[in-house]
């Protein structure tokens, strides 16, 4: 659900820090909502069989399938894994969860960097003994 944006530039540094810290903890709670995840993309393929006389050779509408697979990168190589029709929706949902996880982690990292900068500024402004 979208949050109303308020400018943190008008807030006092300790109030900014508190606001960012609260947001950081909200995002951490969102991690608990994630289900099983995996990276990759689920594809539905219609294939030619290779037989010259088969209808699939000349008519794309008569290709065989659908065949499902998940494709992802591992150690710089593309990996394709065949999936059953029953497994395809499970992996599609898991791939969506992975994308949500990446977005959450990017937001947490950005917010964490902001908080660390603010904490460093506050620490510098504290009187030294």
N, C-alpha and C. Protein backbone atom coordinates (compact mmCIF):
# COMPACT_ATOMS: atom_id res chain seq x y z
N UNK A 1 0.85 -1.16 0.00
CA UNK A 1 0.00 0.00 0.00
C UNK A 1 0.90 1.23 0.00
N UNK A 2 0.66 2.18 -0.89
CA UNK A 2 1.53 3.36 -0.99
C UNK A 2 1.48 4.19 0.28
N UNK A 3 2.64 4.70 0.63
CA UNK A 3 2.74 5.54 1.83
C UNK A 3 2.84 6.99 1.38
N UNK A 4 2.18 7.89 2.12
CA UNK A 4 2.32 9.30 1.77
C UNK A 4 3.75 9.74 2.01
N UNK A 5 4.28 10.48 1.05
CA UNK A 5 5.66 10.95 1.15
C UNK A 5 5.70 12.26 1.91
N UNK A 6 6.56 12.29 2.90
CA UNK A 6 6.80 13.53 3.61
C UNK A 6 8.28 13.83 3.50
N UNK A 7 8.62 15.05 3.35
CA UNK A 7 10.02 15.43 3.20
C UNK A 7 10.74 15.29 4.53
N UNK A 8 11.81 14.49 4.52
CA UNK A 8 12.59 14.32 5.75
C UNK A 8 13.62 15.43 5.89
N UNK A 9 13.76 16.26 4.86
CA UNK A 9 14.72 17.37 4.92
C UNK A 9 14.31 18.42 5.93
N UNK A 10 13.01 18.53 6.20
CA UNK A 10 12.53 19.55 7.14
C UNK A 10 12.59 19.07 8.59
N UNK A 11 12.90 17.78 8.78
CA UNK A 11 12.92 17.24 10.13
C UNK A 11 14.31 17.41 10.76
N UNK A 12 14.34 17.41 12.05
CA UNK A 12 15.59 17.44 12.79
C UNK A 12 16.33 16.12 12.56
N UNK A 13 17.67 16.12 12.58
CA UNK A 13 18.42 14.89 12.29
C UNK A 13 17.99 13.68 13.12
N UNK A 14 17.74 13.86 14.42
CA UNK A 14 17.33 12.71 15.24
C UNK A 14 15.93 12.23 14.84
N UNK A 15 15.06 13.13 14.42
CA UNK A 15 13.72 12.74 13.96
C UNK A 15 13.81 12.01 12.62
N UNK A 16 14.72 12.46 11.76
CA UNK A 16 14.94 11.76 10.48
C UNK A 16 15.42 10.35 10.75
N UNK A 17 16.38 10.23 11.64
CA UNK A 17 16.94 8.93 11.97
C UNK A 17 15.85 8.00 12.51
N UNK A 18 15.02 8.52 13.38
CA UNK A 18 13.94 7.71 13.96
C UNK A 18 12.98 7.25 12.86
N UNK A 19 12.61 8.16 11.96
CA UNK A 19 11.69 7.83 10.87
C UNK A 19 12.29 6.75 9.95
N UNK A 20 13.55 6.92 9.60
CA UNK A 20 14.21 5.93 8.74
C UNK A 20 14.35 4.58 9.44
N UNK A 21 14.63 4.61 10.73
CA UNK A 21 14.76 3.37 11.49
C UNK A 21 13.42 2.63 11.55
N UNK A 22 12.34 3.36 11.75
CA UNK A 22 11.01 2.74 11.76
C UNK A 22 10.71 2.09 10.41
N UNK A 23 11.02 2.81 9.34
CA UNK A 23 10.79 2.28 7.99
C UNK A 23 11.64 1.03 7.75
N UNK A 24 12.87 1.04 8.22
CA UNK A 24 13.76 -0.11 8.09
C UNK A 24 13.14 -1.34 8.76
N UNK A 25 12.60 -1.16 9.96
CA UNK A 25 11.99 -2.28 10.69
C UNK A 25 10.69 -2.74 10.02
N UNK A 26 9.95 -1.82 9.40
CA UNK A 26 8.75 -2.22 8.63
C UNK A 26 9.15 -3.12 7.47
N UNK A 27 10.20 -2.72 6.76
CA UNK A 27 10.65 -3.52 5.62
C UNK A 27 11.17 -4.88 6.07
N UNK A 28 11.85 -4.93 7.22
CA UNK A 28 12.31 -6.21 7.75
C UNK A 28 11.13 -7.14 8.03
N UNK A 29 10.04 -6.57 8.54
CA UNK A 29 8.84 -7.38 8.79
C UNK A 29 8.27 -7.93 7.48
N UNK A 30 8.39 -7.15 6.41
CA UNK A 30 7.91 -7.62 5.11
C UNK A 30 8.65 -8.88 4.65
N UNK A 31 9.89 -9.04 5.09
CA UNK A 31 10.64 -10.26 4.75
C UNK A 31 9.95 -11.51 5.29
N UNK A 32 9.31 -11.38 6.44
CA UNK A 32 8.60 -12.51 7.04
C UNK A 32 7.40 -12.95 6.20
N UNK A 33 6.92 -12.08 5.35
CA UNK A 33 5.74 -12.40 4.53
C UNK A 33 6.09 -13.20 3.29
N UNK A 34 7.38 -13.29 2.97
CA UNK A 34 7.80 -14.00 1.76
C UNK A 34 7.59 -15.50 1.91
N UNK A 35 7.25 -16.11 0.81
CA UNK A 35 7.12 -17.57 0.74
C UNK A 35 8.40 -18.13 0.12
N UNK A 36 8.38 -19.41 -0.26
CA UNK A 36 9.53 -20.02 -0.91
C UNK A 36 9.85 -19.24 -2.18
N UNK A 37 11.14 -19.13 -2.49
CA UNK A 37 11.53 -18.35 -3.66
C UNK A 37 12.66 -19.04 -4.41
N UNK A 38 12.78 -18.70 -5.69
CA UNK A 38 13.89 -19.14 -6.53
C UNK A 38 14.06 -18.14 -7.66
N UNK A 39 15.30 -17.98 -8.10
CA UNK A 39 15.50 -17.06 -9.20
C UNK A 39 15.21 -17.77 -10.50
N UNK A 40 14.82 -17.00 -11.50
CA UNK A 40 14.58 -17.57 -12.81
C UNK A 40 13.26 -17.11 -13.40
N UNK A 41 13.02 -17.60 -14.61
CA UNK A 41 11.80 -17.28 -15.33
C UNK A 41 11.19 -18.59 -15.82
N UNK A 42 9.90 -18.75 -15.59
CA UNK A 42 9.20 -19.94 -16.08
C UNK A 42 8.70 -19.65 -17.49
N UNK A 43 9.05 -20.55 -18.40
CA UNK A 43 8.67 -20.40 -19.80
C UNK A 43 7.71 -21.51 -20.20
N UNK A 44 6.80 -21.15 -21.11
CA UNK A 44 5.90 -22.14 -21.71
C UNK A 44 6.31 -22.22 -23.18
N UNK A 45 6.69 -23.41 -23.62
CA UNK A 45 7.21 -23.57 -24.97
C UNK A 45 6.34 -24.51 -25.78
N UNK A 46 6.22 -24.16 -27.04
CA UNK A 46 5.57 -25.04 -28.03
C UNK A 46 6.69 -25.44 -28.99
N UNK A 47 6.88 -26.73 -29.20
CA UNK A 47 8.07 -27.22 -29.90
C UNK A 47 7.76 -27.93 -31.22
N UNK A 48 8.74 -27.87 -32.12
CA UNK A 48 8.72 -28.70 -33.32
C UNK A 48 9.38 -30.02 -32.96
N UNK A 49 8.87 -31.09 -33.52
CA UNK A 49 9.43 -32.40 -33.19
C UNK A 49 10.60 -32.77 -34.11
N UNK A 50 10.69 -32.15 -35.26
CA UNK A 50 11.81 -32.44 -36.17
C UNK A 50 11.44 -33.39 -37.30
N UNK A 51 10.26 -33.97 -37.25
CA UNK A 51 9.84 -34.85 -38.34
C UNK A 51 9.35 -33.99 -39.50
N UNK A 52 9.85 -34.28 -40.69
CA UNK A 52 9.54 -33.47 -41.86
C UNK A 52 8.05 -33.49 -42.19
N UNK A 53 7.40 -34.63 -42.05
CA UNK A 53 6.00 -34.76 -42.43
C UNK A 53 5.00 -34.34 -41.34
N UNK A 54 5.50 -34.01 -40.17
CA UNK A 54 4.61 -33.61 -39.07
C UNK A 54 4.06 -32.22 -39.35
N UNK A 55 2.81 -31.99 -38.94
CA UNK A 55 2.16 -30.70 -39.15
C UNK A 55 2.89 -29.57 -38.42
N UNK A 56 3.61 -29.90 -37.36
CA UNK A 56 4.30 -28.86 -36.59
C UNK A 56 5.43 -28.21 -37.38
N UNK A 57 5.92 -28.89 -38.41
CA UNK A 57 7.03 -28.36 -39.20
C UNK A 57 6.62 -27.13 -40.01
N UNK A 58 5.37 -27.08 -40.44
CA UNK A 58 4.94 -25.98 -41.30
C UNK A 58 3.91 -25.05 -40.65
N UNK A 59 3.24 -25.51 -39.61
CA UNK A 59 2.18 -24.70 -38.99
C UNK A 59 2.50 -24.46 -37.51
N UNK A 60 2.87 -23.22 -37.15
CA UNK A 60 3.20 -22.93 -35.74
C UNK A 60 2.05 -23.22 -34.78
N UNK A 61 0.82 -23.15 -35.24
CA UNK A 61 -0.33 -23.42 -34.38
C UNK A 61 -0.42 -24.90 -34.02
N UNK A 62 0.27 -25.76 -34.75
CA UNK A 62 0.19 -27.21 -34.51
C UNK A 62 1.45 -27.76 -33.85
N UNK A 63 2.22 -26.89 -33.24
CA UNK A 63 3.41 -27.37 -32.55
C UNK A 63 3.02 -28.15 -31.31
N UNK A 64 3.94 -28.97 -30.84
CA UNK A 64 3.69 -29.85 -29.69
C UNK A 64 3.90 -29.09 -28.38
N UNK A 65 3.11 -29.45 -27.38
CA UNK A 65 3.28 -28.80 -26.09
C UNK A 65 1.94 -28.43 -25.50
N UNK A 66 1.89 -27.64 -24.51
CA UNK A 66 3.00 -26.83 -24.00
C UNK A 66 3.96 -27.63 -23.11
N UNK A 67 5.23 -27.23 -23.19
CA UNK A 67 6.28 -27.76 -22.32
C UNK A 67 6.75 -26.60 -21.45
N UNK A 68 6.95 -26.87 -20.18
CA UNK A 68 7.35 -25.81 -19.24
C UNK A 68 8.79 -26.03 -18.80
N UNK A 69 9.47 -24.91 -18.59
CA UNK A 69 10.82 -24.97 -18.05
C UNK A 69 11.12 -23.69 -17.30
N UNK A 70 12.05 -23.80 -16.37
CA UNK A 70 12.52 -22.61 -15.68
C UNK A 70 13.95 -22.38 -16.17
N UNK A 71 14.24 -21.12 -16.44
CA UNK A 71 15.57 -20.77 -16.91
C UNK A 71 16.18 -19.74 -15.97
N UNK A 72 17.46 -19.92 -15.66
CA UNK A 72 18.16 -19.00 -14.77
C UNK A 72 19.65 -19.07 -15.05
N UNK A 73 20.40 -18.11 -14.51
CA UNK A 73 21.85 -18.08 -14.66
C UNK A 73 22.51 -18.68 -13.43
N UNK A 74 23.53 -19.49 -13.66
CA UNK A 74 24.33 -20.05 -12.58
C UNK A 74 25.78 -20.07 -13.04
N UNK A 75 26.64 -19.41 -12.29
CA UNK A 75 28.06 -19.31 -12.64
C UNK A 75 28.27 -18.83 -14.07
N UNK A 76 27.47 -17.83 -14.48
CA UNK A 76 27.62 -17.24 -15.81
C UNK A 76 27.02 -18.05 -16.94
N UNK A 77 26.40 -19.15 -16.63
CA UNK A 77 25.80 -20.01 -17.66
C UNK A 77 24.28 -20.04 -17.49
N UNK A 78 23.57 -20.12 -18.62
CA UNK A 78 22.12 -20.25 -18.57
C UNK A 78 21.76 -21.71 -18.32
N UNK A 79 20.89 -21.92 -17.35
CA UNK A 79 20.44 -23.27 -17.00
C UNK A 79 18.95 -23.35 -17.29
N UNK A 80 18.54 -24.41 -17.99
CA UNK A 80 17.12 -24.67 -18.26
C UNK A 80 16.75 -25.98 -17.60
N UNK A 81 15.68 -25.97 -16.83
CA UNK A 81 15.21 -27.18 -16.15
C UNK A 81 13.77 -27.42 -16.57
N UNK A 82 13.51 -28.60 -17.09
CA UNK A 82 12.14 -28.95 -17.49
C UNK A 82 11.26 -29.09 -16.26
N UNK A 83 10.00 -28.63 -16.40
CA UNK A 83 9.04 -28.70 -15.30
C UNK A 83 7.78 -29.42 -15.77
N UNK A 84 7.13 -30.10 -14.86
CA UNK A 84 5.83 -30.69 -15.18
C UNK A 84 4.80 -29.57 -15.21
N UNK A 85 3.68 -29.79 -15.89
CA UNK A 85 2.63 -28.76 -15.89
C UNK A 85 2.14 -28.42 -14.48
N UNK A 86 2.21 -29.39 -13.57
CA UNK A 86 1.77 -29.15 -12.19
C UNK A 86 2.79 -28.30 -11.42
N UNK A 87 4.06 -28.46 -11.74
CA UNK A 87 5.12 -27.73 -11.03
C UNK A 87 5.28 -26.30 -11.53
N UNK A 88 4.91 -26.05 -12.77
CA UNK A 88 5.12 -24.73 -13.38
C UNK A 88 4.53 -23.58 -12.55
N UNK A 89 3.25 -23.66 -12.08
CA UNK A 89 2.73 -22.55 -11.29
C UNK A 89 3.46 -22.35 -9.95
N UNK A 90 3.95 -23.44 -9.37
CA UNK A 90 4.70 -23.33 -8.12
C UNK A 90 5.99 -22.55 -8.34
N UNK A 91 6.70 -22.88 -9.41
CA UNK A 91 7.94 -22.19 -9.72
C UNK A 91 7.69 -20.76 -10.18
N UNK A 92 6.60 -20.52 -10.87
CA UNK A 92 6.26 -19.15 -11.30
C UNK A 92 6.03 -18.27 -10.07
N UNK A 93 5.30 -18.81 -9.08
CA UNK A 93 5.06 -18.06 -7.84
C UNK A 93 6.37 -17.85 -7.08
N UNK A 94 7.24 -18.86 -7.06
CA UNK A 94 8.52 -18.75 -6.37
C UNK A 94 9.42 -17.70 -7.04
N UNK A 95 9.38 -17.63 -8.36
CA UNK A 95 10.17 -16.64 -9.09
C UNK A 95 9.66 -15.23 -8.77
N UNK A 96 8.36 -15.08 -8.63
CA UNK A 96 7.78 -13.78 -8.26
C UNK A 96 8.22 -13.39 -6.84
N UNK A 97 8.25 -14.36 -5.94
CA UNK A 97 8.70 -14.10 -4.58
C UNK A 97 10.17 -13.66 -4.57
N UNK A 98 10.97 -14.26 -5.45
CA UNK A 98 12.38 -13.89 -5.54
C UNK A 98 12.53 -12.44 -5.98
N UNK A 99 11.71 -12.01 -6.94
CA UNK A 99 11.76 -10.61 -7.39
C UNK A 99 11.36 -9.67 -6.25
N UNK A 100 10.35 -10.06 -5.48
CA UNK A 100 9.95 -9.25 -4.32
C UNK A 100 11.09 -9.16 -3.31
N UNK A 101 11.77 -10.28 -3.09
CA UNK A 101 12.89 -10.31 -2.16
C UNK A 101 13.99 -9.34 -2.62
N UNK A 102 14.31 -9.35 -3.91
CA UNK A 102 15.35 -8.46 -4.42
C UNK A 102 14.98 -7.00 -4.23
N UNK A 103 13.71 -6.66 -4.48
CA UNK A 103 13.25 -5.27 -4.29
C UNK A 103 13.38 -4.89 -2.82
N UNK A 104 12.93 -5.77 -1.95
CA UNK A 104 13.02 -5.50 -0.50
C UNK A 104 14.46 -5.30 -0.06
N UNK A 105 15.36 -6.15 -0.54
CA UNK A 105 16.76 -6.04 -0.15
C UNK A 105 17.38 -4.74 -0.66
N UNK A 106 17.03 -4.33 -1.88
CA UNK A 106 17.53 -3.06 -2.40
C UNK A 106 17.05 -1.89 -1.53
N UNK A 107 15.78 -1.93 -1.16
CA UNK A 107 15.23 -0.87 -0.31
C UNK A 107 15.90 -0.87 1.07
N UNK A 108 16.08 -2.06 1.65
CA UNK A 108 16.73 -2.16 2.95
C UNK A 108 18.17 -1.66 2.89
N UNK A 109 18.88 -2.01 1.83
CA UNK A 109 20.27 -1.56 1.70
C UNK A 109 20.35 -0.04 1.59
N UNK A 110 19.49 0.54 0.75
CA UNK A 110 19.50 1.99 0.57
C UNK A 110 19.17 2.70 1.89
N UNK A 111 18.15 2.20 2.57
CA UNK A 111 17.74 2.78 3.85
C UNK A 111 18.84 2.60 4.90
N UNK A 112 19.47 1.44 4.91
CA UNK A 112 20.55 1.17 5.85
C UNK A 112 21.72 2.14 5.64
N UNK A 113 22.05 2.39 4.39
CA UNK A 113 23.13 3.34 4.10
C UNK A 113 22.76 4.74 4.58
N UNK A 114 21.50 5.14 4.37
CA UNK A 114 21.03 6.45 4.84
C UNK A 114 21.13 6.54 6.36
N UNK A 115 20.70 5.49 7.04
CA UNK A 115 20.74 5.47 8.51
C UNK A 115 22.19 5.55 9.00
N UNK A 116 23.07 4.78 8.36
CA UNK A 116 24.47 4.80 8.79
C UNK A 116 25.10 6.18 8.60
N UNK A 117 24.78 6.85 7.49
CA UNK A 117 25.29 8.21 7.28
C UNK A 117 24.78 9.14 8.38
N UNK A 118 23.49 9.03 8.70
CA UNK A 118 22.91 9.89 9.74
C UNK A 118 23.53 9.59 11.10
N UNK A 119 23.72 8.31 11.41
CA UNK A 119 24.33 7.95 12.69
C UNK A 119 25.76 8.48 12.78
N UNK A 120 26.49 8.42 11.67
CA UNK A 120 27.87 8.92 11.65
C UNK A 120 27.89 10.44 11.89
N UNK A 121 26.96 11.16 11.25
CA UNK A 121 26.88 12.62 11.46
C UNK A 121 26.56 12.96 12.91
N UNK A 122 25.60 12.21 13.49
CA UNK A 122 25.24 12.45 14.89
C UNK A 122 26.42 12.14 15.81
N UNK A 123 27.15 11.08 15.52
CA UNK A 123 28.30 10.70 16.35
C UNK A 123 29.38 11.77 16.28
N UNK A 124 29.57 12.35 15.10
CA UNK A 124 30.57 13.40 14.94
C UNK A 124 30.18 14.67 15.69
N UNK A 125 28.89 14.93 15.77
CA UNK A 125 28.44 16.17 16.42
C UNK A 125 28.39 16.05 17.94
N UNK A 126 28.56 14.83 18.49
CA UNK A 126 28.57 14.63 19.93
C UNK A 126 29.87 15.15 20.51
N UNK A 127 29.83 15.80 21.67
CA UNK A 127 31.09 16.29 22.29
C UNK A 127 31.94 15.11 22.73
N UNK A 128 33.25 15.27 22.54
CA UNK A 128 34.20 14.21 22.92
C UNK A 128 34.74 14.49 24.32
N UNK A 129 34.98 13.42 25.10
CA UNK A 129 35.53 13.59 26.47
C UNK A 129 37.02 13.71 26.43
